C-alpha atoms as a PDB file:
ATOM      1  CA  MET A   1       0.000   0.000   0.000  1.00  0.00           C
ATOM      2  CA  PRO A   2       1.458   3.428  -0.934  1.00  0.00           C
ATOM      3  CA  VAL A   3       2.341   5.795   1.872  1.00  0.00           C
ATOM      4  CA  ALA A   4       1.046   9.380   1.666  1.00  0.00           C
ATOM      5  CA  THR A   5       3.702  12.043   1.944  1.00  0.00           C
ATOM      6  CA  ARG A   6       3.496  15.802   2.338  1.00  0.00           C
ATOM      7  CA  HIS A   7       4.814  17.989  -0.412  1.00  0.00           C
ATOM      8  CA  THR A   8       5.460  21.699  -0.440  1.00  0.00           C
ATOM      9  CA  VAL A   9       2.560  23.393  -2.193  1.00  0.00           C
ATOM     10  CA  ASN A  10       3.065  26.581  -4.189  1.00  0.00           C
ATOM     11  CA  ASP A  11      -0.443  26.757  -5.666  1.00  0.00           C
ATOM     12  CA  PRO A  12      -2.464  29.441  -3.766  1.00  0.00           C
ATOM     13  CA  TYR A  13      -5.663  27.340  -3.995  1.00  0.00           C
ATOM     14  CA  MET A  14      -4.018  24.294  -2.436  1.00  0.00           C
ATOM     15  CA  LYS A  15      -2.414  26.434   0.274  1.00  0.00           C
ATOM     16  CA  LEU A  16      -5.901  27.652   1.194  1.00  0.00           C
ATOM     17  CA  ILE A  17      -7.225  24.073   1.170  1.00  0.00           C
ATOM     18  CA  ASN A  18      -4.448  23.121   3.600  1.00  0.00           C
ATOM     19  CA  GLU A  19      -5.215  26.146   5.800  1.00  0.00           C
ATOM     20  CA  PHE A  20      -8.984  25.600   5.903  1.00  0.00           C
ATOM     21  CA  PRO A  21     -10.346  22.560   4.015  1.00  0.00           C
ATOM     22  CA  LEU A  22     -13.569  23.112   2.081  1.00  0.00           C
ATOM     23  CA  ARG A  23     -16.066  20.933   3.904  1.00  0.00           C
ATOM     24  CA  ARG A  24     -19.337  21.487   5.720  1.00  0.00           C
ATOM     25  CA  ILE A  25     -18.982  23.878   8.660  1.00  0.00           C
ATOM     26  CA  LYS A  26     -20.322  22.204  11.794  1.00  0.00           C
ATOM     27  CA  SER A  27     -19.329  24.437  14.708  1.00  0.00           C
ATOM     28  CA  ALA A  28     -19.314  28.063  15.776  1.00  0.00           C
ATOM     29  CA  ALA A  29     -15.525  27.917  16.066  1.00  0.00           C
ATOM     30  CA  SER A  30     -15.137  26.724  12.464  1.00  0.00           C
ATOM     31  CA  HIS A  31     -17.644  29.351  11.349  1.00  0.00           C
ATOM     32  CA  ALA A  32     -15.633  32.095  13.065  1.00  0.00           C
ATOM     33  CA  LYS A  33     -12.406  30.864  11.486  1.00  0.00           C
ATOM     34  CA  ALA A  34     -14.035  30.741   8.049  1.00  0.00           C
ATOM     35  CA  ALA A  35     -15.479  34.243   8.429  1.00  0.00           C
ATOM     36  CA  LYS A  36     -12.091  35.600   9.463  1.00  0.00           C
ATOM     37  CA  LEU A  37     -10.501  33.956   6.429  1.00  0.00           C
ATOM     38  CA  VAL A  38     -13.134  35.478   4.114  1.00  0.00           C
ATOM     39  CA  LEU A  39     -12.370  38.936   5.484  1.00  0.00           C
ATOM     40  CA  ARG A  40      -8.649  38.417   4.968  1.00  0.00           C
ATOM     41  CA  LEU A  41      -9.038  37.093   1.431  1.00  0.00           C
ATOM     42  CA  SER A  42     -11.511  39.823   0.500  1.00  0.00           C
ATOM     43  CA  ASN A  43      -8.901  42.461   1.241  1.00  0.00           C
ATOM     44  CA  GLU A  44      -6.186  40.891  -0.918  1.00  0.00           C
ATOM     45  CA  PRO A  45      -5.792  40.661  -4.691  1.00  0.00           C
ATOM     46  CA  ALA A  46      -7.147  37.274  -5.789  1.00  0.00           C
ATOM     47  CA  ASP A  47      -6.036  34.934  -8.537  1.00  0.00           C
ATOM     48  CA  ARG A  48      -8.543  32.542 -10.118  1.00  0.00           C
ATOM     49  CA  GLY A  49      -7.893  29.759  -7.595  1.00  0.00           C
ATOM     50  CA  THR A  50      -8.326  32.087  -4.630  1.00  0.00           C
ATOM     51  CA  ALA A  51     -11.533  33.514  -6.116  1.00  0.00           C
ATOM     52  CA  ASP A  52     -12.917  29.988  -6.648  1.00  0.00           C
ATOM     53  CA  TYR A  53     -11.972  29.008  -3.087  1.00  0.00           C
ATOM     54  CA  LEU A  54     -13.622  32.152  -1.714  1.00  0.00           C
ATOM     55  CA  ASP A  55     -16.840  31.452  -3.650  1.00  0.00           C
ATOM     56  CA  ILE A  56     -17.164  27.981  -2.144  1.00  0.00           C
ATOM     57  CA  LEU A  57     -16.163  29.109   1.349  1.00  0.00           C
ATOM     58  CA  ILE A  58     -18.859  31.799   1.308  1.00  0.00           C
ATOM     59  CA  ASP A  59     -21.424  29.173   0.229  1.00  0.00           C
ATOM     60  CA  LEU A  60     -20.361  26.966   3.151  1.00  0.00           C
ATOM     61  CA  ILE A  61     -20.687  29.891   5.575  1.00  0.00           C
ATOM     62  CA  VAL A  62     -24.166  30.756   4.280  1.00  0.00           C
ATOM     63  CA  ASP A  63     -25.190  27.102   4.574  1.00  0.00           C
ATOM     64  CA  TYR A  64     -24.002  26.951   8.197  1.00  0.00           C
ATOM     65  CA  GLU A  65     -25.784  30.207   9.057  1.00  0.00           C
ATOM     66  CA  LYS A  66     -29.037  28.889   7.583  1.00  0.00           C
ATOM     67  CA  ARG A  67     -28.746  25.550   9.399  1.00  0.00           C
ATOM     68  CA  SER A  68     -27.991  27.283  12.711  1.00  0.00           C
ATOM     69  CA  ASN A  69     -30.828  29.811  12.223  1.00  0.00           C
ATOM     70  CA  GLN A  70     -28.549  32.831  12.359  1.00  0.00           C
ATOM     71  CA  ARG A  71     -30.347  35.980  11.296  1.00  0.00           C
ATOM     72  CA  ILE A  72     -29.186  39.524  10.647  1.00  0.00           C
ATOM     73  CA  ASP A  73     -31.204  42.174  12.473  1.00  0.00           C
ATOM     74  CA  THR A  74     -32.357  44.587   9.772  1.00  0.00           C
ATOM     75  CA  SER A  75     -34.969  46.337  11.892  1.00  0.00           C
ATOM     76  CA  LYS A  76     -32.904  49.544  12.048  1.00  0.00           C
ATOM     77  CA  VAL A  77     -31.893  49.565   8.394  1.00  0.00           C
ATOM     78  CA  SER A  78     -33.822  51.602   5.834  1.00  0.00           C
ATOM     79  CA  ALA A  79     -33.916  51.214   2.074  1.00  0.00           C
ATOM     80  CA  ALA A  80     -31.732  54.333   1.824  1.00  0.00           C
ATOM     81  CA  ASP A  81     -28.940  52.611   3.786  1.00  0.00           C
END
């Protein structure tokens, strides 16, 4: 049976996968980490791989927020805002 080995990864997409794997978010701690990563990536220039990663990560965050019934309070926001 082959043995898995770690290799140095130079591809930005794979570096992000190693930092925070794209899988269903199941805890508040993972959600917080994912949200922090989105903020960081949103403030940096993105190549295609990073943009693709960010798209999926945002979908996973939205899915978690829906499943955990998180809501944004918009009661003090007007259409002009």
